[in-house]
Amino acid sequence: MATRRPADMTTLAIPDLAGKAVLVTGASTGIGAALARAYAAQKCRVALHY
């Protein structure tokens, strides 16, 4: 029987989008807020809709 490794939830696999523009809807809370922060940390231009 195969064993599964637990997913590493501390990192987010985002392709290199530095300098790209992204639109995040639902960015006020939850997953949308986390994605907006992650994209900004990747040097993306982030447009938010909440």
PDB file of N, CA and C in Angstrom:
ATOM      1  N   MET A   1       0.843  -1.174   0.000  1.00  0.00           N
ATOM      2  CA  MET A   1       0.000   0.000   0.000  1.00  0.00           C
ATOM      3  C   MET A   1       0.892   1.242   0.000  1.00  0.00           C
ATOM      4  N   ALA A   2       0.567   2.178  -0.829  1.00  0.00           N
ATOM      5  CA  ALA A   2       1.331   3.426  -0.924  1.00  0.00           C
ATOM      6  C   ALA A   2       0.964   4.355   0.229  1.00  0.00           C
ATOM      7  N   THR A   3       1.956   5.080   0.693  1.00  0.00           N
ATOM      8  CA  THR A   3       1.686   6.083   1.725  1.00  0.00           C
ATOM      9  C   THR A   3       1.754   7.458   1.104  1.00  0.00           C
ATOM     10  N   ARG A   4       0.954   8.319   1.605  1.00  0.00           N
ATOM     11  CA  ARG A   4       0.879   9.684   1.092  1.00  0.00           C
ATOM     12  C   ARG A   4       1.618  10.633   1.996  1.00  0.00           C
ATOM     13  N   ARG A   5       2.381  11.533   1.400  1.00  0.00           N
ATOM     14  CA  ARG A   5       3.009  12.597   2.171  1.00  0.00           C
ATOM     15  C   ARG A   5       1.994  13.696   2.399  1.00  0.00           C
ATOM     16  N   PRO A   6       1.969  14.266   3.584  1.00  0.00           N
ATOM     17  CA  PRO A   6       1.055  15.394   3.813  1.00  0.00           C
ATOM     18  C   PRO A   6       1.458  16.591   2.959  1.00  0.00           C
ATOM     19  N   ALA A   7       0.483  17.298   2.477  1.00  0.00           N
ATOM     20  CA  ALA A   7       0.740  18.493   1.665  1.00  0.00           C
ATOM     21  C   ALA A   7       1.380  19.572   2.523  1.00  0.00           C
ATOM     22  N   ASP A   8       2.316  20.285   1.938  1.00  0.00           N
ATOM     23  CA  ASP A   8       2.946  21.404   2.635  1.00  0.00           C
ATOM     24  C   ASP A   8       2.070  22.628   2.430  1.00  0.00           C
ATOM     25  N   MET A   9       1.337  22.998   3.444  1.00  0.00           N
ATOM     26  CA  MET A   9       0.391  24.098   3.338  1.00  0.00           C
ATOM     27  C   MET A   9       1.021  25.451   3.670  1.00  0.00           C
ATOM     28  N   THR A  10       2.331  25.474   3.903  1.00  0.00           N
ATOM     29  CA  THR A  10       2.972  26.741   4.244  1.00  0.00           C
ATOM     30  C   THR A  10       3.427  27.502   3.010  1.00  0.00           C
ATOM     31  N   THR A  11       3.480  26.846   1.859  1.00  0.00           N
ATOM     32  CA  THR A  11       3.893  27.521   0.633  1.00  0.00           C
ATOM     33  C   THR A  11       2.788  27.413  -0.402  1.00  0.00           C
ATOM     34  N   LEU A  12       2.781  28.348  -1.305  1.00  0.00           N
ATOM     35  CA  LEU A  12       1.795  28.366  -2.369  1.00  0.00           C
ATOM     36  C   LEU A  12       2.536  28.305  -3.695  1.00  0.00           C
ATOM     37  N   ALA A  13       2.232  27.323  -4.514  1.00  0.00           N
ATOM     38  CA  ALA A  13       2.913  27.155  -5.791  1.00  0.00           C
ATOM     39  C   ALA A  13       2.283  28.078  -6.832  1.00  0.00           C
ATOM     40  N   ILE A  14       2.916  29.212  -7.052  1.00  0.00           N
ATOM     41  CA  ILE A  14       2.459  30.174  -8.045  1.00  0.00           C
ATOM     42  C   ILE A  14       3.564  30.308  -9.081  1.00  0.00           C
ATOM     43  N   PRO A  15       3.239  30.180 -10.365  1.00  0.00           N
ATOM     44  CA  PRO A  15       4.277  30.376 -11.371  1.00  0.00           C
ATOM     45  C   PRO A  15       4.835  31.798 -11.296  1.00  0.00           C
ATOM     46  N   ASP A  16       5.997  32.004 -11.893  1.00  0.00           N
ATOM     47  CA  ASP A  16       6.619  33.325 -11.858  1.00  0.00           C
ATOM     48  C   ASP A  16       5.758  34.313 -12.643  1.00  0.00           C
ATOM     49  N   LEU A  17       5.088  35.190 -11.935  1.00  0.00           N
ATOM     50  CA  LEU A  17       4.203  36.176 -12.550  1.00  0.00           C
ATOM     51  C   LEU A  17       4.667  37.598 -12.272  1.00  0.00           C
ATOM     52  N   ALA A  18       5.912  37.769 -11.904  1.00  0.00           N
ATOM     53  CA  ALA A  18       6.442  39.095 -11.581  1.00  0.00           C
ATOM     54  C   ALA A  18       6.165  40.066 -12.724  1.00  0.00           C
ATOM     55  N   GLY A  19       5.586  41.210 -12.382  1.00  0.00           N
ATOM     56  CA  GLY A  19       5.280  42.234 -13.372  1.00  0.00           C
ATOM     57  C   GLY A  19       3.947  42.041 -14.082  1.00  0.00           C
ATOM     58  N   LYS A  20       3.298  40.923 -13.871  1.00  0.00           N
ATOM     59  CA  LYS A  20       2.004  40.665 -14.506  1.00  0.00           C
ATOM     60  C   LYS A  20       0.889  41.277 -13.673  1.00  0.00           C
ATOM     61  N   ALA A  21      -0.247  41.530 -14.304  1.00  0.00           N
ATOM     62  CA  ALA A  21      -1.418  42.049 -13.597  1.00  0.00           C
ATOM     63  C   ALA A  21      -2.360  40.889 -13.294  1.00  0.00           C
ATOM     64  N   VAL A  22      -2.863  40.855 -12.074  1.00  0.00           N
ATOM     65  CA  VAL A  22      -3.824  39.827 -11.680  1.00  0.00           C
ATOM     66  C   VAL A  22      -5.041  40.496 -11.064  1.00  0.00           C
ATOM     67  N   LEU A  23      -6.196  39.896 -11.261  1.00  0.00           N
ATOM     68  CA  LEU A  23      -7.438  40.359 -10.652  1.00  0.00           C
ATOM     69  C   LEU A  23      -7.880  39.305  -9.657  1.00  0.00           C
ATOM     70  N   VAL A  24      -8.067  39.707  -8.409  1.00  0.00           N
ATOM     71  CA  VAL A  24      -8.513  38.788  -7.366  1.00  0.00           C
ATOM     72  C   VAL A  24      -9.886  39.242  -6.905  1.00  0.00           C
ATOM     73  N   THR A  25     -10.888  38.383  -7.095  1.00  0.00           N
ATOM     74  CA  THR A  25     -12.227  38.687  -6.606  1.00  0.00           C
ATOM     75  C   THR A  25     -12.403  38.033  -5.242  1.00  0.00           C
ATOM     76  N   GLY A  26     -13.220  38.623  -4.410  1.00  0.00           N
ATOM     77  CA  GLY A  26     -13.414  38.098  -3.062  1.00  0.00           C
ATOM     78  C   GLY A  26     -12.184  38.278  -2.202  1.00  0.00           C
ATOM     79  N   ALA A  27     -11.475  39.390  -2.389  1.00  0.00           N
ATOM     80  CA  ALA A  27     -10.182  39.584  -1.739  1.00  0.00           C
ATOM     81  C   ALA A  27     -10.269  40.151  -0.330  1.00  0.00           C
ATOM     82  N   SER A  28     -11.460  40.292   0.214  1.00  0.00           N
ATOM     83  CA  SER A  28     -11.553  40.881   1.553  1.00  0.00           C
ATOM     84  C   SER A  28     -11.260  39.876   2.657  1.00  0.00           C
ATOM     85  N   THR A  29     -11.509  38.601   2.415  1.00  0.00           N
ATOM     86  CA  THR A  29     -11.277  37.583   3.448  1.00  0.00           C
ATOM     87  C   THR A  29     -10.891  36.252   2.815  1.00  0.00           C
ATOM     88  N   GLY A  30     -10.456  35.349   3.641  1.00  0.00           N
ATOM     89  CA  GLY A  30     -10.250  33.961   3.243  1.00  0.00           C
ATOM     90  C   GLY A  30      -9.233  33.749   2.145  1.00  0.00           C
ATOM     91  N   ILE A  31      -9.590  32.848   1.231  1.00  0.00           N
ATOM     92  CA  ILE A  31      -8.683  32.458   0.157  1.00  0.00           C
ATOM     93  C   ILE A  31      -8.349  33.644  -0.735  1.00  0.00           C
ATOM     94  N   GLY A  32      -9.336  34.486  -1.041  1.00  0.00           N
ATOM     95  CA  GLY A  32      -9.083  35.651  -1.885  1.00  0.00           C
ATOM     96  C   GLY A  32      -8.056  36.584  -1.277  1.00  0.00           C
ATOM     97  N   ALA A  33      -8.154  36.836   0.016  1.00  0.00           N
ATOM     98  CA  ALA A  33      -7.189  37.700   0.701  1.00  0.00           C
ATOM     99  C   ALA A  33      -5.802  37.072   0.692  1.00  0.00           C
ATOM    100  N   ALA A  34      -5.737  35.770   0.930  1.00  0.00           N
ATOM    101  CA  ALA A  34      -4.444  35.076   0.928  1.00  0.00           C
ATOM    102  C   ALA A  34      -3.810  35.110  -0.455  1.00  0.00           C
ATOM    103  N   LEU A  35      -4.627  34.917  -1.491  1.00  0.00           N
ATOM    104  CA  LEU A  35      -4.097  34.972  -2.854  1.00  0.00           C
ATOM    105  C   LEU A  35      -3.604  36.368  -3.204  1.00  0.00           C
ATOM    106  N   ALA A  36      -4.356  37.387  -2.820  1.00  0.00           N
ATOM    107  CA  ALA A  36      -3.941  38.760  -3.105  1.00  0.00           C
ATOM    108  C   ALA A  36      -2.584  39.047  -2.470  1.00  0.00           C
ATOM    109  N   ARG A  37      -2.400  38.626  -1.226  1.00  0.00           N
ATOM    110  CA  ARG A  37      -1.112  38.825  -0.544  1.00  0.00           C
ATOM    111  C   ARG A  37       0.001  38.028  -1.222  1.00  0.00           C
ATOM    112  N   ALA A  38      -0.307  36.798  -1.613  1.00  0.00           N
ATOM    113  CA  ALA A  38       0.704  35.953  -2.253  1.00  0.00           C
ATOM    114  C   ALA A  38       1.133  36.530  -3.597  1.00  0.00           C
ATOM    115  N   TYR A  39       0.175  37.010  -4.390  1.00  0.00           N
ATOM    116  CA  TYR A  39       0.522  37.620  -5.671  1.00  0.00           C
ATOM    117  C   TYR A  39       1.335  38.895  -5.470  1.00  0.00           C
ATOM    118  N   ALA A  40       0.968  39.698  -4.495  1.00  0.00           N
ATOM    119  CA  ALA A  40       1.726  40.917  -4.218  1.00  0.00           C
ATOM    120  C   ALA A  40       3.154  40.576  -3.799  1.00  0.00           C
ATOM    121  N   ALA A  41       3.318  39.524  -3.020  1.00  0.00           N
ATOM    122  CA  ALA A  41       4.656  39.095  -2.609  1.00  0.00           C
ATOM    123  C   ALA A  41       5.476  38.615  -3.800  1.00  0.00           C
ATOM    124  N   GLN A  42       4.794  38.157  -4.857  1.00  0.00           N
ATOM    125  CA  GLN A  42       5.461  37.712  -6.082  1.00  0.00           C
ATOM    126  C   GLN A  42       5.721  38.879  -7.040  1.00  0.00           C
ATOM    127  N   LYS A  43       5.512  40.109  -6.574  1.00  0.00           N
ATOM    128  CA  LYS A  43       5.759  41.329  -7.361  1.00  0.00           C
ATOM    129  C   LYS A  43       4.790  41.486  -8.528  1.00  0.00           C
ATOM    130  N   CYS A  44       3.546  41.013  -8.344  1.00  0.00           N
ATOM    131  CA  CYS A  44       2.500  41.207  -9.348  1.00  0.00           C
ATOM    132  C   CYS A  44       1.796  42.532  -9.093  1.00  0.00           C
ATOM    133  N   ARG A  45       1.189  43.068 -10.135  1.00  0.00           N
ATOM    134  CA  ARG A  45       0.288  44.210  -9.977  1.00  0.00           C
ATOM    135  C   ARG A  45      -1.076  43.610  -9.678  1.00  0.00           C
ATOM    136  N   VAL A  46      -1.616  43.902  -8.505  1.00  0.00           N
ATOM    137  CA  VAL A  46      -2.829  43.238  -8.036  1.00  0.00           C
ATOM    138  C   VAL A  46      -4.002  44.209  -8.045  1.00  0.00           C
ATOM    139  N   ALA A  47      -5.081  43.816  -8.723  1.00  0.00           N
ATOM    140  CA  ALA A  47      -6.343  44.557  -8.675  1.00  0.00           C
ATOM    141  C   ALA A  47      -7.295  43.734  -7.814  1.00  0.00           C
ATOM    142  N   LEU A  48      -7.925  44.404  -6.855  1.00  0.00           N
ATOM    143  CA  LEU A  48      -8.791  43.712  -5.903  1.00  0.00           C
ATOM    144  C   LEU A  48     -10.253  44.054  -6.124  1.00  0.00           C
ATOM    145  N   HIS A  49     -11.094  43.073  -5.925  1.00  0.00           N
ATOM    146  CA  HIS A  49     -12.534  43.289  -5.869  1.00  0.00           C
ATOM    147  C   HIS A  49     -13.023  42.543  -4.652  1.00  0.00           C
ATOM    148  N   TYR A  50     -13.671  43.262  -3.778  1.00  0.00           N
ATOM    149  CA  TYR A  50     -14.169  42.610  -2.575  1.00  0.00           C
ATOM    150  C   TYR A  50     -15.599  42.949  -2.429  1.00  0.00           C
TER     151      TYR A  50
END
